[in-house]
N, C-alpha and C. Protein backbone atom coordinates (compact mmCIF):
# COMPACT_ATOMS: atom_id res chain seq x y z
N MET A 1 43.36 -2.13 -57.85
CA MET A 1 42.22 -2.93 -57.38
C MET A 1 42.21 -2.98 -55.87
N ASN A 2 43.35 -3.26 -55.27
CA ASN A 2 43.44 -3.33 -53.81
C ASN A 2 43.15 -1.97 -53.19
N LYS A 3 43.59 -0.90 -53.87
CA LYS A 3 43.36 0.44 -53.34
C LYS A 3 41.89 0.77 -53.31
N VAL A 4 41.17 0.36 -54.38
CA VAL A 4 39.73 0.60 -54.45
C VAL A 4 39.01 -0.15 -53.36
N CYS A 5 39.39 -1.44 -53.18
CA CYS A 5 38.77 -2.27 -52.15
C CYS A 5 39.02 -1.68 -50.77
N HIS A 6 40.22 -1.20 -50.54
CA HIS A 6 40.56 -0.62 -49.24
C HIS A 6 39.71 0.61 -48.97
N CYS A 7 39.51 1.44 -50.01
CA CYS A 7 38.69 2.64 -49.84
C CYS A 7 37.25 2.28 -49.52
N GLU A 8 36.74 1.29 -50.28
CA GLU A 8 35.36 0.86 -50.05
C GLU A 8 35.20 0.29 -48.65
N ARG A 9 36.22 -0.49 -48.20
CA ARG A 9 36.16 -1.08 -46.87
C ARG A 9 36.17 0.00 -45.80
N SER A 10 37.00 1.06 -46.00
CA SER A 10 37.07 2.16 -45.04
C SER A 10 35.74 2.91 -44.96
N GLU A 11 35.12 3.13 -46.15
CA GLU A 11 33.83 3.81 -46.17
C GLU A 11 32.76 2.99 -45.46
N ALA A 12 32.81 1.65 -45.65
CA ALA A 12 31.83 0.77 -45.02
C ALA A 12 32.00 0.79 -43.51
N ILE A 13 33.24 0.75 -43.04
CA ILE A 13 33.51 0.77 -41.59
C ILE A 13 33.03 2.10 -40.99
N SER A 14 33.31 3.20 -41.73
CA SER A 14 32.89 4.51 -41.24
C SER A 14 31.37 4.60 -41.16
N LEU A 15 30.69 4.02 -42.16
CA LEU A 15 29.23 4.02 -42.17
C LEU A 15 28.68 3.21 -41.00
N LEU A 16 29.30 2.07 -40.74
CA LEU A 16 28.87 1.24 -39.62
C LEU A 16 29.05 1.98 -38.29
N LYS A 17 30.17 2.68 -38.16
CA LYS A 17 30.41 3.46 -36.94
C LYS A 17 29.34 4.53 -36.77
N ASP A 18 29.00 5.21 -37.86
CA ASP A 18 27.97 6.26 -37.78
C ASP A 18 26.63 5.66 -37.38
N CYS A 19 26.30 4.49 -37.96
CA CYS A 19 25.03 3.82 -37.63
C CYS A 19 25.01 3.40 -36.16
N PHE A 20 26.16 2.90 -35.67
CA PHE A 20 26.26 2.46 -34.29
C PHE A 20 26.07 3.63 -33.32
N VAL A 21 26.71 4.76 -33.65
CA VAL A 21 26.59 5.95 -32.82
C VAL A 21 25.14 6.44 -32.81
N ALA A 22 24.50 6.42 -33.97
CA ALA A 22 23.10 6.86 -34.08
C ALA A 22 22.19 5.95 -33.27
N LEU A 23 22.48 4.65 -33.33
CA LEU A 23 21.68 3.68 -32.57
C LEU A 23 21.83 3.91 -31.07
N LEU A 24 23.06 4.12 -30.62
CA LEU A 24 23.30 4.40 -29.20
C LEU A 24 22.57 5.66 -28.76
N LEU A 25 22.61 6.69 -29.59
CA LEU A 25 21.95 7.95 -29.27
C LEU A 25 20.44 7.75 -29.16
N ALA A 26 19.87 6.97 -30.09
CA ALA A 26 18.43 6.71 -30.08
C ALA A 26 18.02 5.95 -28.83
N MET A 27 18.84 4.94 -28.47
CA MET A 27 18.55 4.14 -27.28
C MET A 27 18.63 5.00 -26.02
N THR A 28 19.64 5.88 -25.98
CA THR A 28 19.80 6.77 -24.82
C THR A 28 18.60 7.69 -24.67
N LEU A 29 18.16 8.26 -25.80
CA LEU A 29 17.00 9.16 -25.76
C LEU A 29 15.74 8.42 -25.35
N LEU A 30 15.60 7.17 -25.84
CA LEU A 30 14.43 6.36 -25.49
C LEU A 30 14.41 6.04 -24.01
N MET A 31 15.55 5.61 -23.47
CA MET A 31 15.63 5.27 -22.05
C MET A 31 15.41 6.51 -21.20
N SER A 32 15.95 7.64 -21.65
CA SER A 32 15.79 8.88 -20.90
C SER A 32 14.33 9.30 -20.84
N SER A 33 13.65 9.22 -21.98
CA SER A 33 12.23 9.59 -22.02
C SER A 33 11.40 8.64 -21.19
N LYS A 34 11.75 7.35 -21.20
CA LYS A 34 11.03 6.37 -20.39
C LYS A 34 11.24 6.65 -18.91
N GLY A 35 12.49 7.02 -18.55
CA GLY A 35 12.78 7.33 -17.16
C GLY A 35 11.99 8.54 -16.69
N VAL A 36 11.90 9.55 -17.56
CA VAL A 36 11.12 10.74 -17.21
C VAL A 36 9.66 10.39 -17.05
N ALA A 37 9.15 9.52 -17.94
CA ALA A 37 7.75 9.11 -17.86
C ALA A 37 7.48 8.33 -16.58
N ASP A 38 8.41 7.43 -16.24
CA ASP A 38 8.26 6.64 -15.02
C ASP A 38 8.24 7.54 -13.79
N MET A 39 9.17 8.54 -13.78
CA MET A 39 9.22 9.47 -12.65
C MET A 39 7.95 10.29 -12.58
N SER A 40 7.43 10.67 -13.76
CA SER A 40 6.20 11.46 -13.79
C SER A 40 5.03 10.66 -13.26
N ASP A 41 4.95 9.37 -13.69
CA ASP A 41 3.87 8.50 -13.23
C ASP A 41 3.93 8.33 -11.73
N LYS A 42 5.13 8.12 -11.20
CA LYS A 42 5.28 7.90 -9.77
C LYS A 42 4.97 9.16 -8.98
N SER A 43 5.30 10.32 -9.54
CA SER A 43 5.06 11.57 -8.83
C SER A 43 3.57 11.86 -8.69
N GLN A 44 2.76 11.21 -9.51
CA GLN A 44 1.32 11.41 -9.47
C GLN A 44 0.64 10.51 -8.45
N LEU A 45 1.37 9.56 -7.87
CA LEU A 45 0.79 8.65 -6.91
C LEU A 45 0.61 9.33 -5.56
N GLU A 46 -0.39 8.88 -4.81
CA GLU A 46 -0.62 9.36 -3.46
C GLU A 46 -0.51 8.19 -2.49
N ILE A 47 -0.46 8.52 -1.20
CA ILE A 47 -0.28 7.50 -0.17
C ILE A 47 -1.45 7.54 0.80
N ALA A 48 -1.92 6.36 1.15
CA ALA A 48 -2.93 6.21 2.21
C ALA A 48 -2.39 5.22 3.22
N THR A 49 -2.65 5.46 4.49
CA THR A 49 -2.17 4.56 5.54
C THR A 49 -3.31 4.25 6.50
N PHE A 50 -3.56 2.96 6.70
CA PHE A 50 -4.63 2.51 7.58
C PHE A 50 -4.12 1.44 8.54
N ALA A 51 -4.65 1.47 9.76
CA ALA A 51 -4.44 0.38 10.71
C ALA A 51 -5.78 -0.32 10.89
N GLY A 52 -5.78 -1.63 10.73
CA GLY A 52 -7.05 -2.36 10.78
C GLY A 52 -6.91 -3.74 11.36
N GLY A 53 -6.15 -3.85 12.44
CA GLY A 53 -5.92 -5.17 13.00
C GLY A 53 -4.79 -5.88 12.29
N CYS A 54 -4.81 -7.18 12.29
CA CYS A 54 -3.74 -7.98 11.67
C CYS A 54 -3.46 -7.51 10.24
N PHE A 55 -2.24 -7.04 10.00
CA PHE A 55 -1.95 -6.48 8.68
C PHE A 55 -1.91 -7.52 7.58
N TRP A 56 -1.76 -8.81 7.93
CA TRP A 56 -1.83 -9.84 6.90
C TRP A 56 -3.17 -9.78 6.18
N CYS A 57 -4.22 -9.54 6.96
CA CYS A 57 -5.58 -9.58 6.41
C CYS A 57 -5.97 -8.30 5.69
N MET A 58 -5.19 -7.25 5.83
CA MET A 58 -5.50 -5.98 5.19
C MET A 58 -4.94 -5.91 3.77
N GLN A 59 -4.00 -6.76 3.45
CA GLN A 59 -3.29 -6.62 2.18
C GLN A 59 -4.04 -7.20 0.97
N PRO A 60 -4.69 -8.36 1.09
CA PRO A 60 -5.27 -8.96 -0.12
C PRO A 60 -6.26 -8.09 -0.87
N PHE A 61 -7.24 -7.50 -0.17
CA PHE A 61 -8.27 -6.76 -0.90
C PHE A 61 -7.75 -5.46 -1.48
N PHE A 62 -6.77 -4.82 -0.83
CA PHE A 62 -6.18 -3.62 -1.42
C PHE A 62 -5.29 -3.99 -2.61
N ASP A 63 -4.59 -5.11 -2.52
CA ASP A 63 -3.76 -5.55 -3.64
C ASP A 63 -4.59 -5.78 -4.89
N ASN A 64 -5.84 -6.15 -4.72
CA ASN A 64 -6.70 -6.47 -5.84
C ASN A 64 -7.64 -5.34 -6.23
N THR A 65 -7.30 -4.13 -5.80
CA THR A 65 -8.09 -2.95 -6.14
C THR A 65 -7.43 -2.20 -7.28
N LYS A 66 -8.17 -1.96 -8.34
CA LYS A 66 -7.64 -1.22 -9.48
C LYS A 66 -7.21 0.18 -9.04
N GLY A 67 -6.04 0.58 -9.47
CA GLY A 67 -5.52 1.89 -9.11
C GLY A 67 -4.52 1.85 -7.98
N VAL A 68 -4.53 0.74 -7.23
CA VAL A 68 -3.52 0.56 -6.18
C VAL A 68 -2.26 0.00 -6.83
N LYS A 69 -1.17 0.72 -6.69
CA LYS A 69 0.07 0.34 -7.36
C LYS A 69 1.01 -0.47 -6.46
N LYS A 70 0.91 -0.25 -5.16
CA LYS A 70 1.81 -0.97 -4.25
C LYS A 70 1.23 -0.92 -2.84
N THR A 71 1.38 -2.01 -2.10
CA THR A 71 1.02 -2.02 -0.69
C THR A 71 2.20 -2.55 0.12
N THR A 72 2.36 -2.00 1.30
CA THR A 72 3.42 -2.43 2.22
C THR A 72 2.83 -2.50 3.61
N VAL A 73 3.04 -3.61 4.30
CA VAL A 73 2.56 -3.69 5.68
C VAL A 73 3.69 -3.29 6.63
N GLY A 74 3.30 -2.70 7.76
CA GLY A 74 4.31 -2.23 8.70
C GLY A 74 3.70 -1.69 9.97
N TYR A 75 4.39 -0.72 10.55
CA TYR A 75 4.02 -0.22 11.88
C TYR A 75 3.93 1.30 11.87
N SER A 76 2.83 1.83 12.43
CA SER A 76 2.61 3.28 12.47
C SER A 76 2.12 3.71 13.85
N GLY A 77 2.35 4.99 14.16
CA GLY A 77 1.75 5.58 15.34
C GLY A 77 2.43 5.30 16.67
N GLY A 78 3.67 4.83 16.62
CA GLY A 78 4.37 4.51 17.87
C GLY A 78 5.47 5.48 18.21
N HIS A 79 6.22 5.16 19.25
CA HIS A 79 7.27 6.06 19.73
C HIS A 79 8.67 5.47 19.64
N MET A 80 8.80 4.25 19.16
CA MET A 80 10.12 3.61 19.05
C MET A 80 10.55 3.58 17.58
N ALA A 81 11.81 3.89 17.33
CA ALA A 81 12.33 3.86 15.96
C ALA A 81 12.65 2.42 15.55
N ASN A 82 12.32 2.11 14.31
CA ASN A 82 12.65 0.81 13.72
C ASN A 82 12.25 -0.37 14.61
N PRO A 83 11.00 -0.45 15.00
CA PRO A 83 10.58 -1.56 15.87
C PRO A 83 10.52 -2.88 15.11
N SER A 84 10.73 -3.96 15.82
CA SER A 84 10.59 -5.29 15.24
C SER A 84 9.16 -5.78 15.47
N TYR A 85 8.80 -6.84 14.80
CA TYR A 85 7.46 -7.42 14.97
C TYR A 85 7.25 -7.85 16.41
N GLU A 86 8.26 -8.44 17.01
CA GLU A 86 8.15 -8.90 18.39
C GLU A 86 7.93 -7.72 19.34
N GLU A 87 8.63 -6.61 19.08
CA GLU A 87 8.48 -5.43 19.94
C GLU A 87 7.10 -4.81 19.80
N VAL A 88 6.62 -4.73 18.58
CA VAL A 88 5.27 -4.19 18.37
C VAL A 88 4.23 -5.10 18.99
N SER A 89 4.41 -6.40 18.84
CA SER A 89 3.45 -7.37 19.37
C SER A 89 3.37 -7.32 20.89
N SER A 90 4.42 -6.86 21.53
CA SER A 90 4.40 -6.76 22.99
C SER A 90 3.46 -5.65 23.45
N GLY A 91 3.14 -4.72 22.56
CA GLY A 91 2.26 -3.61 22.91
C GLY A 91 2.98 -2.45 23.57
N ASP A 92 4.31 -2.52 23.69
CA ASP A 92 5.07 -1.49 24.41
C ASP A 92 5.56 -0.35 23.52
N THR A 93 5.48 -0.49 22.21
CA THR A 93 6.06 0.54 21.33
C THR A 93 5.03 1.60 20.91
N GLY A 94 3.78 1.34 21.16
CA GLY A 94 2.74 2.28 20.77
C GLY A 94 2.31 2.18 19.32
N HIS A 95 2.96 1.31 18.55
CA HIS A 95 2.61 1.18 17.13
C HIS A 95 1.35 0.34 16.93
N ALA A 96 0.73 0.56 15.79
CA ALA A 96 -0.37 -0.28 15.34
C ALA A 96 0.06 -0.97 14.04
N GLU A 97 -0.29 -2.23 13.89
CA GLU A 97 -0.04 -2.91 12.62
C GLU A 97 -0.83 -2.17 11.54
N SER A 98 -0.13 -1.79 10.46
CA SER A 98 -0.73 -0.90 9.46
C SER A 98 -0.40 -1.35 8.05
N ILE A 99 -1.09 -0.72 7.12
CA ILE A 99 -0.78 -0.94 5.71
C ILE A 99 -0.65 0.41 5.03
N GLN A 100 0.41 0.57 4.24
CA GLN A 100 0.60 1.80 3.48
C GLN A 100 0.34 1.49 2.01
N ILE A 101 -0.47 2.33 1.40
CA ILE A 101 -0.96 2.08 0.04
C ILE A 101 -0.53 3.21 -0.88
N GLU A 102 0.12 2.86 -1.97
CA GLU A 102 0.44 3.83 -3.02
C GLU A 102 -0.62 3.66 -4.11
N PHE A 103 -1.33 4.75 -4.43
CA PHE A 103 -2.43 4.63 -5.39
C PHE A 103 -2.45 5.80 -6.36
N ASP A 104 -3.06 5.54 -7.50
CA ASP A 104 -3.22 6.58 -8.51
C ASP A 104 -4.62 7.18 -8.35
N PRO A 105 -4.71 8.44 -7.92
CA PRO A 105 -6.03 9.04 -7.68
C PRO A 105 -6.87 9.19 -8.94
N LYS A 106 -6.24 9.04 -10.12
CA LYS A 106 -7.00 9.09 -11.37
C LYS A 106 -7.75 7.78 -11.59
N GLU A 107 -7.30 6.72 -10.92
CA GLU A 107 -7.92 5.40 -11.10
C GLU A 107 -8.77 4.98 -9.91
N VAL A 108 -8.39 5.40 -8.73
CA VAL A 108 -9.16 5.06 -7.54
C VAL A 108 -9.08 6.23 -6.56
N SER A 109 -10.21 6.61 -6.02
CA SER A 109 -10.23 7.76 -5.12
C SER A 109 -9.91 7.36 -3.69
N TYR A 110 -9.52 8.36 -2.90
CA TYR A 110 -9.29 8.10 -1.48
C TYR A 110 -10.59 7.69 -0.80
N GLU A 111 -11.72 8.25 -1.25
CA GLU A 111 -13.02 7.86 -0.71
C GLU A 111 -13.28 6.38 -0.93
N LYS A 112 -12.92 5.87 -2.09
CA LYS A 112 -13.11 4.44 -2.39
C LYS A 112 -12.25 3.57 -1.48
N LEU A 113 -11.02 4.00 -1.26
CA LEU A 113 -10.14 3.24 -0.36
C LEU A 113 -10.70 3.23 1.06
N LEU A 114 -11.25 4.36 1.50
CA LEU A 114 -11.87 4.42 2.81
C LEU A 114 -13.07 3.48 2.90
N ASP A 115 -13.86 3.44 1.84
CA ASP A 115 -15.03 2.55 1.81
C ASP A 115 -14.59 1.09 1.95
N LEU A 116 -13.55 0.72 1.24
CA LEU A 116 -13.00 -0.63 1.36
C LEU A 116 -12.50 -0.90 2.78
N TYR A 117 -11.87 0.09 3.34
CA TYR A 117 -11.35 -0.03 4.70
C TYR A 117 -12.48 -0.30 5.69
N TRP A 118 -13.54 0.51 5.65
CA TRP A 118 -14.65 0.34 6.58
C TRP A 118 -15.29 -1.04 6.44
N HIS A 119 -15.34 -1.55 5.22
CA HIS A 119 -15.96 -2.85 4.97
C HIS A 119 -15.12 -4.02 5.45
N ASN A 120 -13.91 -3.75 5.89
CA ASN A 120 -13.02 -4.84 6.28
C ASN A 120 -12.51 -4.73 7.71
N ILE A 121 -13.14 -3.88 8.51
CA ILE A 121 -12.77 -3.78 9.92
C ILE A 121 -14.04 -3.73 10.77
N ASP A 122 -13.87 -3.88 12.07
CA ASP A 122 -14.94 -3.61 13.03
C ASP A 122 -14.61 -2.27 13.68
N PRO A 123 -15.24 -1.19 13.24
CA PRO A 123 -14.89 0.15 13.74
C PRO A 123 -15.40 0.44 15.14
N THR A 124 -16.09 -0.53 15.74
CA THR A 124 -16.63 -0.33 17.10
C THR A 124 -15.78 -1.00 18.17
N GLN A 125 -14.79 -1.78 17.77
CA GLN A 125 -13.98 -2.53 18.73
C GLN A 125 -12.83 -1.67 19.26
N VAL A 126 -12.73 -1.57 20.56
CA VAL A 126 -11.70 -0.76 21.20
C VAL A 126 -10.42 -1.58 21.40
N ASP A 127 -9.29 -1.03 20.97
CA ASP A 127 -7.98 -1.67 21.18
C ASP A 127 -7.99 -3.15 20.80
N GLY A 128 -8.34 -3.41 19.57
CA GLY A 128 -8.31 -4.78 19.07
C GLY A 128 -9.10 -4.90 17.79
N GLN A 129 -8.97 -6.05 17.17
CA GLN A 129 -9.77 -6.39 16.00
C GLN A 129 -10.04 -7.88 16.02
N PHE A 130 -11.35 -8.20 16.15
CA PHE A 130 -11.79 -9.58 16.12
C PHE A 130 -11.10 -10.37 17.24
N VAL A 131 -10.38 -11.45 16.93
CA VAL A 131 -9.80 -12.26 18.00
C VAL A 131 -8.55 -11.61 18.60
N ASP A 132 -7.96 -10.65 17.90
CA ASP A 132 -6.72 -10.03 18.36
C ASP A 132 -7.02 -8.85 19.29
N GLU A 133 -6.44 -8.88 20.46
CA GLU A 133 -6.67 -7.81 21.43
C GLU A 133 -5.35 -7.10 21.75
N GLY A 134 -5.46 -5.80 21.98
CA GLY A 134 -4.28 -4.99 22.28
C GLY A 134 -4.24 -3.77 21.39
N ALA A 135 -3.60 -2.71 21.88
CA ALA A 135 -3.56 -1.45 21.13
C ALA A 135 -2.83 -1.58 19.80
N GLN A 136 -1.96 -2.59 19.68
CA GLN A 136 -1.25 -2.79 18.42
C GLN A 136 -2.20 -3.24 17.30
N TYR A 137 -3.43 -3.63 17.67
CA TYR A 137 -4.43 -4.05 16.69
C TYR A 137 -5.58 -3.04 16.57
N ARG A 138 -5.39 -1.84 17.10
CA ARG A 138 -6.45 -0.83 17.05
C ARG A 138 -6.65 -0.35 15.61
N THR A 139 -7.78 0.29 15.38
CA THR A 139 -8.05 0.82 14.04
C THR A 139 -7.77 2.33 14.00
N VAL A 140 -7.02 2.73 12.99
CA VAL A 140 -6.65 4.14 12.83
C VAL A 140 -6.59 4.49 11.35
N ILE A 141 -7.09 5.66 11.02
CA ILE A 141 -6.88 6.25 9.70
C ILE A 141 -5.79 7.30 9.87
N PHE A 142 -4.64 7.05 9.28
CA PHE A 142 -3.52 8.00 9.37
C PHE A 142 -3.56 8.90 8.12
N TYR A 143 -3.96 10.14 8.29
CA TYR A 143 -4.08 11.03 7.13
C TYR A 143 -2.74 11.70 6.82
N HIS A 144 -2.53 11.94 5.51
CA HIS A 144 -1.26 12.52 5.04
C HIS A 144 -1.38 13.99 4.65
N ASN A 145 -2.59 14.52 4.62
CA ASN A 145 -2.78 15.94 4.32
C ASN A 145 -4.16 16.36 4.81
N ASP A 146 -4.43 17.64 4.72
CA ASP A 146 -5.70 18.17 5.23
C ASP A 146 -6.90 17.62 4.47
N GLU A 147 -6.72 17.38 3.18
CA GLU A 147 -7.82 16.85 2.38
C GLU A 147 -8.19 15.44 2.83
N GLN A 148 -7.18 14.60 3.06
CA GLN A 148 -7.45 13.25 3.56
C GLN A 148 -8.13 13.31 4.93
N LYS A 149 -7.70 14.24 5.76
CA LYS A 149 -8.32 14.39 7.08
C LYS A 149 -9.80 14.75 6.94
N ARG A 150 -10.09 15.70 6.07
CA ARG A 150 -11.48 16.11 5.86
C ARG A 150 -12.34 14.96 5.36
N ILE A 151 -11.82 14.25 4.36
CA ILE A 151 -12.57 13.13 3.78
C ILE A 151 -12.80 12.04 4.82
N ALA A 152 -11.76 11.74 5.62
CA ALA A 152 -11.87 10.69 6.64
C ALA A 152 -12.90 11.07 7.70
N GLU A 153 -12.88 12.32 8.13
CA GLU A 153 -13.83 12.76 9.16
C GLU A 153 -15.27 12.71 8.65
N GLU A 154 -15.47 13.14 7.40
CA GLU A 154 -16.80 13.10 6.82
C GLU A 154 -17.27 11.65 6.64
N SER A 155 -16.36 10.79 6.23
CA SER A 155 -16.69 9.39 6.04
C SER A 155 -17.07 8.72 7.36
N LYS A 156 -16.33 9.04 8.40
CA LYS A 156 -16.62 8.47 9.72
C LYS A 156 -17.97 8.95 10.23
N LYS A 157 -18.28 10.23 10.05
CA LYS A 157 -19.56 10.78 10.47
C LYS A 157 -20.71 10.11 9.71
N ALA A 158 -20.52 9.90 8.42
CA ALA A 158 -21.56 9.27 7.61
C ALA A 158 -21.80 7.83 8.05
N LEU A 159 -20.73 7.13 8.39
CA LEU A 159 -20.88 5.75 8.86
C LEU A 159 -21.62 5.71 10.19
N ALA A 160 -21.28 6.63 11.08
CA ALA A 160 -21.95 6.68 12.38
C ALA A 160 -23.43 7.01 12.22
N ALA A 161 -23.73 7.89 11.26
CA ALA A 161 -25.12 8.31 11.05
C ALA A 161 -25.95 7.27 10.30
N SER A 162 -25.28 6.30 9.70
CA SER A 162 -26.00 5.30 8.90
C SER A 162 -26.84 4.35 9.75
N GLY A 163 -26.51 4.24 11.03
CA GLY A 163 -27.24 3.34 11.91
C GLY A 163 -26.89 1.88 11.71
N ARG A 164 -25.87 1.62 10.93
CA ARG A 164 -25.48 0.22 10.69
C ARG A 164 -24.94 -0.43 11.95
N PHE A 165 -24.24 0.33 12.77
CA PHE A 165 -23.65 -0.21 13.99
C PHE A 165 -24.41 0.31 15.21
N ASP A 166 -24.61 -0.57 16.20
CA ASP A 166 -25.32 -0.16 17.40
C ASP A 166 -24.37 0.28 18.51
N LYS A 167 -23.09 0.41 18.16
CA LYS A 167 -22.08 0.90 19.10
C LYS A 167 -21.37 2.09 18.47
N PRO A 168 -20.71 2.92 19.27
CA PRO A 168 -19.98 4.08 18.72
C PRO A 168 -18.85 3.66 17.80
N ILE A 169 -18.58 4.48 16.80
CA ILE A 169 -17.44 4.27 15.90
C ILE A 169 -16.19 4.81 16.61
N VAL A 170 -15.28 3.94 16.96
CA VAL A 170 -14.13 4.35 17.77
C VAL A 170 -12.83 4.46 16.96
N THR A 171 -12.88 4.16 15.67
CA THR A 171 -11.69 4.27 14.82
C THR A 171 -11.12 5.69 14.89
N ALA A 172 -9.84 5.79 15.22
CA ALA A 172 -9.20 7.11 15.36
C ALA A 172 -8.80 7.67 14.00
N ILE A 173 -8.71 8.99 13.93
CA ILE A 173 -8.19 9.68 12.75
C ILE A 173 -7.03 10.53 13.23
N GLU A 174 -5.83 10.18 12.80
CA GLU A 174 -4.62 10.80 13.32
C GLU A 174 -3.67 11.18 12.19
N PRO A 175 -2.82 12.19 12.40
CA PRO A 175 -1.82 12.52 11.38
C PRO A 175 -0.82 11.39 11.21
N ALA A 176 -0.44 11.15 9.97
CA ALA A 176 0.54 10.10 9.69
C ALA A 176 1.90 10.45 10.28
N THR A 177 2.51 9.49 10.91
CA THR A 177 3.87 9.64 11.43
C THR A 177 4.77 8.68 10.64
N THR A 178 5.97 8.47 11.11
CA THR A 178 6.89 7.59 10.40
C THR A 178 6.31 6.18 10.29
N PHE A 179 6.30 5.68 9.08
CA PHE A 179 5.84 4.32 8.80
C PHE A 179 7.06 3.42 8.65
N TYR A 180 7.10 2.36 9.44
CA TYR A 180 8.22 1.42 9.38
C TYR A 180 7.76 0.13 8.71
N PRO A 181 8.30 -0.20 7.53
CA PRO A 181 7.90 -1.45 6.88
C PRO A 181 8.21 -2.66 7.77
N ALA A 182 7.32 -3.61 7.77
CA ALA A 182 7.53 -4.84 8.54
C ALA A 182 8.57 -5.71 7.85
N GLU A 183 9.01 -6.72 8.55
CA GLU A 183 9.98 -7.66 8.02
C GLU A 183 9.45 -8.29 6.72
N GLU A 184 10.38 -8.68 5.86
CA GLU A 184 10.01 -9.14 4.52
C GLU A 184 9.05 -10.32 4.55
N TYR A 185 9.18 -11.20 5.52
CA TYR A 185 8.32 -12.39 5.51
C TYR A 185 6.86 -12.04 5.77
N HIS A 186 6.60 -10.85 6.27
CA HIS A 186 5.21 -10.41 6.49
C HIS A 186 4.58 -9.85 5.22
N GLN A 187 5.41 -9.39 4.28
CA GLN A 187 4.88 -8.77 3.08
C GLN A 187 4.18 -9.80 2.20
N LYS A 188 2.91 -9.53 1.87
CA LYS A 188 2.10 -10.46 1.07
C LYS A 188 2.12 -11.87 1.66
N TYR A 189 1.93 -11.91 2.97
CA TYR A 189 1.95 -13.20 3.68
C TYR A 189 0.90 -14.15 3.13
N TYR A 190 -0.20 -13.61 2.66
CA TYR A 190 -1.28 -14.46 2.14
C TYR A 190 -0.86 -15.23 0.89
N LEU A 191 0.18 -14.75 0.21
CA LEU A 191 0.72 -15.46 -0.95
C LEU A 191 1.91 -16.35 -0.59
N LYS A 192 2.72 -15.87 0.34
CA LYS A 192 3.93 -16.61 0.71
C LYS A 192 3.61 -17.82 1.58
N SER A 193 2.66 -17.67 2.48
CA SER A 193 2.33 -18.74 3.43
C SER A 193 0.81 -18.90 3.45
N THR A 194 0.30 -19.35 2.31
CA THR A 194 -1.15 -19.40 2.11
C THR A 194 -1.86 -20.27 3.14
N PHE A 195 -1.32 -21.44 3.44
CA PHE A 195 -1.98 -22.35 4.39
C PHE A 195 -2.06 -21.71 5.77
N GLN A 196 -0.93 -21.17 6.25
CA GLN A 196 -0.91 -20.54 7.57
C GLN A 196 -1.83 -19.31 7.60
N TYR A 197 -1.84 -18.55 6.52
CA TYR A 197 -2.71 -17.38 6.46
C TYR A 197 -4.18 -17.78 6.54
N ASN A 198 -4.56 -18.76 5.75
CA ASN A 198 -5.95 -19.20 5.76
C ASN A 198 -6.36 -19.77 7.12
N MET A 199 -5.46 -20.48 7.77
CA MET A 199 -5.76 -21.02 9.10
C MET A 199 -6.04 -19.87 10.08
N TYR A 200 -5.20 -18.86 10.03
CA TYR A 200 -5.41 -17.71 10.92
C TYR A 200 -6.70 -16.98 10.56
N HIS A 201 -6.86 -16.64 9.28
CA HIS A 201 -8.01 -15.86 8.83
C HIS A 201 -9.32 -16.56 9.16
N ASP A 202 -9.38 -17.85 8.92
CA ASP A 202 -10.62 -18.60 9.12
C ASP A 202 -10.99 -18.75 10.59
N ASN A 203 -10.02 -18.56 11.48
CA ASN A 203 -10.29 -18.71 12.91
C ASN A 203 -10.21 -17.40 13.67
N SER A 204 -10.10 -16.28 12.94
CA SER A 204 -9.94 -14.98 13.59
C SER A 204 -11.26 -14.32 13.96
N GLY A 205 -12.36 -14.82 13.40
CA GLY A 205 -13.66 -14.19 13.63
C GLY A 205 -13.92 -13.03 12.69
N ARG A 206 -12.96 -12.69 11.86
CA ARG A 206 -13.09 -11.55 10.94
C ARG A 206 -14.22 -11.78 9.94
N HIS A 207 -14.22 -12.94 9.30
CA HIS A 207 -15.20 -13.21 8.25
C HIS A 207 -16.63 -13.18 8.79
N GLU A 208 -16.85 -13.82 9.93
CA GLU A 208 -18.19 -13.89 10.50
C GLU A 208 -18.71 -12.51 10.89
N THR A 209 -17.85 -11.71 11.50
CA THR A 209 -18.26 -10.37 11.94
C THR A 209 -18.58 -9.48 10.75
N LEU A 210 -17.74 -9.50 9.74
CA LEU A 210 -17.95 -8.65 8.58
C LEU A 210 -19.20 -9.07 7.81
N GLU A 211 -19.43 -10.36 7.72
CA GLU A 211 -20.63 -10.85 7.02
C GLU A 211 -21.88 -10.44 7.78
N LYS A 212 -21.81 -10.47 9.09
CA LYS A 212 -22.96 -10.06 9.91
C LYS A 212 -23.28 -8.58 9.71
N GLU A 213 -22.25 -7.74 9.64
CA GLU A 213 -22.44 -6.31 9.53
C GLU A 213 -22.77 -5.85 8.10
N TRP A 214 -22.12 -6.48 7.11
CA TRP A 214 -22.24 -5.99 5.75
C TRP A 214 -22.95 -6.95 4.80
N GLY A 215 -23.18 -8.16 5.25
CA GLY A 215 -23.78 -9.15 4.37
C GLY A 215 -22.74 -9.84 3.52
N LYS A 216 -23.17 -10.81 2.73
CA LYS A 216 -22.23 -11.56 1.90
C LYS A 216 -21.80 -10.73 0.70
């Protein structure tokens, strides 16, 4: 009797071991396939980089655009490596406050992102945006490939030809250089420090100017 029970117990333990090994193998295959899918999804994303004045104000509307997967505010177009906010704000580093956008071109086109960009800046203001003055607040479209350059140039020409603005369109179109993410407290500032953000935004002149040019 004991011998039979021992055999049955051994068979049960062996079966459990086999089930456990099979479960581990299934989980490994599942995680591996998910990792491949995640890498594939990410490899399909493209990057757009724009400078449009205070980068706090550039993040909300892009964050709420379908197809935009991630936004990061930072500094582009300068000559100093790893600049701080204070250094960029001094105007001595050559950088412009910028936003880098990771987007899925199957969900939102680069043309659409450009349209959103134009609707949220004053493209006629030289070395500044609204109440902020200085080259660090200039407007720039930083293109990442020849196709983005072509689309940006055509878009700029179309805007100039529209007659909407009575001044020249001065927004620059330049090749993308190293993008340096800003300090963490600047990322999604409109969510982290809502009161301070709204105080700045409401007194920057941005809303009034954009409403005048584009309507409500």
